[in-house]
N, C-alpha and C. Protein backbone atom coordinates (compact mmCIF):
# COMPACT_ATOMS: atom_id res chain seq x y z
N MET A 1 48.49 -3.50 52.32
CA MET A 1 47.18 -3.19 52.84
C MET A 1 46.15 -3.82 51.91
N ALA A 2 45.25 -4.60 52.45
CA ALA A 2 44.17 -5.19 51.67
C ALA A 2 42.95 -4.29 51.76
N ARG A 3 42.41 -3.92 50.63
CA ARG A 3 41.26 -3.03 50.63
C ARG A 3 40.27 -3.48 49.56
N LEU A 4 39.01 -3.51 49.94
CA LEU A 4 37.94 -3.85 49.01
C LEU A 4 37.31 -2.56 48.53
N VAL A 5 37.39 -2.29 47.27
CA VAL A 5 36.81 -1.06 46.73
C VAL A 5 35.76 -1.43 45.65
N PHE A 6 34.81 -0.54 45.45
CA PHE A 6 33.75 -0.77 44.51
C PHE A 6 33.86 0.21 43.34
N GLY A 7 33.58 -0.27 42.14
CA GLY A 7 33.57 0.58 40.96
C GLY A 7 32.37 1.54 41.03
N SER A 8 32.38 2.53 40.18
CA SER A 8 31.32 3.58 40.23
C SER A 8 29.93 2.98 40.04
N ASP A 9 29.78 2.01 39.13
CA ASP A 9 28.47 1.36 38.95
C ASP A 9 28.07 0.57 40.19
N GLU A 10 29.05 -0.13 40.76
CA GLU A 10 28.75 -0.88 41.99
C GLU A 10 28.37 0.06 43.13
N GLN A 11 29.06 1.19 43.24
CA GLN A 11 28.73 2.15 44.27
C GLN A 11 27.31 2.65 44.11
N ARG A 12 26.94 2.97 42.90
CA ARG A 12 25.58 3.48 42.64
C ARG A 12 24.54 2.42 43.01
N GLN A 13 24.78 1.18 42.61
CA GLN A 13 23.86 0.10 42.93
C GLN A 13 23.76 -0.16 44.43
N LEU A 14 24.89 -0.10 45.12
CA LEU A 14 24.85 -0.29 46.58
C LEU A 14 24.12 0.84 47.28
N ARG A 15 24.30 2.07 46.82
CA ARG A 15 23.59 3.19 47.42
C ARG A 15 22.08 3.06 47.21
N GLU A 16 21.71 2.73 45.99
CA GLU A 16 20.28 2.57 45.69
C GLU A 16 19.67 1.45 46.51
N ALA A 17 20.39 0.35 46.65
CA ALA A 17 19.90 -0.79 47.44
C ALA A 17 19.77 -0.41 48.91
N ALA A 18 20.74 0.32 49.42
CA ALA A 18 20.69 0.74 50.83
C ALA A 18 19.48 1.62 51.08
N ARG A 19 19.20 2.53 50.17
CA ARG A 19 18.05 3.44 50.36
C ARG A 19 16.73 2.71 50.20
N SER A 20 16.63 1.79 49.26
CA SER A 20 15.35 1.10 49.04
C SER A 20 15.09 0.00 50.04
N GLU A 21 16.14 -0.70 50.48
CA GLU A 21 15.95 -1.81 51.40
C GLU A 21 15.79 -1.41 52.85
N PHE A 22 16.32 -0.21 53.22
CA PHE A 22 16.30 0.18 54.62
C PHE A 22 15.69 1.57 54.79
N PRO A 23 14.49 1.81 54.24
CA PRO A 23 13.91 3.16 54.37
C PRO A 23 13.57 3.52 55.81
N GLY A 24 13.30 2.53 56.64
CA GLY A 24 12.96 2.81 58.02
C GLY A 24 14.15 2.86 58.95
N ASN A 25 15.35 2.62 58.42
CA ASN A 25 16.54 2.63 59.25
C ASN A 25 17.63 3.45 58.56
N PRO A 26 17.55 4.78 58.67
CA PRO A 26 18.51 5.64 57.98
C PRO A 26 19.96 5.42 58.44
N ALA A 27 20.14 4.99 59.69
CA ALA A 27 21.52 4.77 60.17
C ALA A 27 22.16 3.61 59.43
N LEU A 28 21.42 2.54 59.22
CA LEU A 28 21.94 1.40 58.48
C LEU A 28 22.20 1.76 57.02
N ALA A 29 21.25 2.49 56.43
CA ALA A 29 21.46 2.94 55.05
C ALA A 29 22.70 3.81 54.93
N TYR A 30 22.94 4.69 55.92
CA TYR A 30 24.12 5.55 55.90
C TYR A 30 25.41 4.71 55.96
N VAL A 31 25.42 3.70 56.82
CA VAL A 31 26.62 2.85 56.94
C VAL A 31 26.89 2.13 55.62
N LEU A 32 25.85 1.58 55.02
CA LEU A 32 26.02 0.88 53.73
C LEU A 32 26.47 1.83 52.63
N GLU A 33 25.92 3.03 52.62
CA GLU A 33 26.34 4.01 51.62
C GLU A 33 27.81 4.39 51.84
N SER A 34 28.21 4.52 53.07
CA SER A 34 29.62 4.85 53.37
C SER A 34 30.54 3.73 52.91
N LEU A 35 30.15 2.50 53.17
CA LEU A 35 30.95 1.36 52.70
C LEU A 35 31.08 1.37 51.18
N ALA A 36 29.99 1.72 50.52
CA ALA A 36 30.02 1.75 49.05
C ALA A 36 31.02 2.80 48.56
N SER A 37 31.04 3.95 49.19
CA SER A 37 31.89 5.04 48.70
C SER A 37 33.32 4.93 49.16
N GLU A 38 33.55 4.43 50.39
CA GLU A 38 34.89 4.39 50.96
C GLU A 38 35.57 3.04 50.81
N GLY A 39 34.80 2.00 50.54
CA GLY A 39 35.39 0.67 50.49
C GLY A 39 35.57 0.10 51.89
N ILE A 40 36.25 -1.02 51.97
CA ILE A 40 36.44 -1.70 53.25
C ILE A 40 37.92 -2.03 53.38
N ASP A 41 38.53 -1.58 54.48
CA ASP A 41 39.93 -1.91 54.77
C ASP A 41 39.95 -3.27 55.47
N LEU A 42 40.31 -4.29 54.74
CA LEU A 42 40.25 -5.65 55.26
C LEU A 42 41.26 -5.90 56.37
N ASP A 43 42.30 -5.06 56.46
CA ASP A 43 43.30 -5.22 57.52
C ASP A 43 42.74 -4.82 58.89
N THR A 44 41.68 -4.00 58.92
CA THR A 44 41.10 -3.57 60.20
C THR A 44 39.88 -4.37 60.59
N CYS A 45 39.48 -5.33 59.77
CA CYS A 45 38.33 -6.17 60.10
C CYS A 45 38.69 -7.10 61.27
N ARG A 46 37.72 -7.32 62.13
CA ARG A 46 37.96 -8.20 63.29
C ARG A 46 37.21 -9.51 63.12
N ASP A 47 37.72 -10.51 63.74
CA ASP A 47 37.13 -11.84 63.70
C ASP A 47 35.82 -11.85 64.50
N TRP A 48 34.84 -12.60 64.04
CA TRP A 48 33.55 -12.69 64.72
C TRP A 48 33.70 -13.17 66.15
N ASP A 49 34.58 -14.14 66.36
CA ASP A 49 34.78 -14.68 67.72
C ASP A 49 35.36 -13.61 68.63
N ASP A 50 36.25 -12.75 68.13
CA ASP A 50 36.78 -11.65 68.93
C ASP A 50 35.69 -10.66 69.30
N LEU A 51 34.80 -10.38 68.35
CA LEU A 51 33.69 -9.46 68.64
C LEU A 51 32.74 -10.04 69.69
N ARG A 52 32.48 -11.33 69.61
CA ARG A 52 31.62 -11.98 70.61
C ARG A 52 32.22 -11.83 72.00
N LEU A 53 33.52 -12.10 72.13
CA LEU A 53 34.17 -12.01 73.44
C LEU A 53 34.19 -10.57 73.94
N GLU A 54 34.43 -9.63 73.03
CA GLU A 54 34.43 -8.22 73.40
C GLU A 54 33.08 -7.77 73.97
N LYS A 55 32.00 -8.32 73.42
CA LYS A 55 30.65 -7.96 73.85
C LYS A 55 30.16 -8.79 75.03
N GLY A 56 31.01 -9.69 75.52
CA GLY A 56 30.65 -10.51 76.67
C GLY A 56 29.76 -11.68 76.33
N LEU A 57 29.71 -12.05 75.06
CA LEU A 57 28.91 -13.21 74.66
C LEU A 57 29.74 -14.49 74.85
N PRO A 58 29.09 -15.61 75.08
CA PRO A 58 29.84 -16.85 75.25
C PRO A 58 30.54 -17.25 73.95
N ALA A 59 31.60 -17.99 74.09
CA ALA A 59 32.31 -18.50 72.91
C ALA A 59 31.37 -19.37 72.08
N ARG A 60 31.62 -19.39 70.81
CA ARG A 60 30.79 -20.18 69.89
C ARG A 60 31.05 -21.65 70.13
N PRO A 61 30.01 -22.49 70.16
CA PRO A 61 30.21 -23.93 70.33
C PRO A 61 31.04 -24.49 69.18
N GLU A 62 31.81 -25.48 69.48
CA GLU A 62 32.71 -26.11 68.47
C GLU A 62 31.90 -26.66 67.29
N GLU A 63 30.69 -27.16 67.56
CA GLU A 63 29.92 -27.77 66.46
C GLU A 63 29.17 -26.75 65.61
N ALA A 64 29.27 -25.47 65.97
CA ALA A 64 28.58 -24.44 65.19
C ALA A 64 29.21 -24.30 63.81
N PRO A 65 28.40 -24.10 62.78
CA PRO A 65 28.95 -23.96 61.43
C PRO A 65 29.71 -22.63 61.30
N ASP A 66 30.64 -22.59 60.36
CA ASP A 66 31.45 -21.39 60.14
C ASP A 66 30.70 -20.34 59.34
N VAL A 67 29.65 -20.72 58.66
CA VAL A 67 28.88 -19.76 57.85
C VAL A 67 27.41 -19.89 58.24
N ALA A 68 26.69 -18.81 58.00
CA ALA A 68 25.26 -18.84 58.31
C ALA A 68 24.48 -19.54 57.23
């Protein structure tokens, strides 16, 4: 199982950043704080192209870059 976990200092910094950067969006701050405390299970992450198809969006053009 691949899992990304954050050290206690990293968790604190992520929580502070979530609260300061998203004061108008408590739901987003909550999600970021949860990620900081629980980590990320990389085995359950889905591919961006799969998410696009699931939401009914068109497939990404072949010439589109892989990163933003």
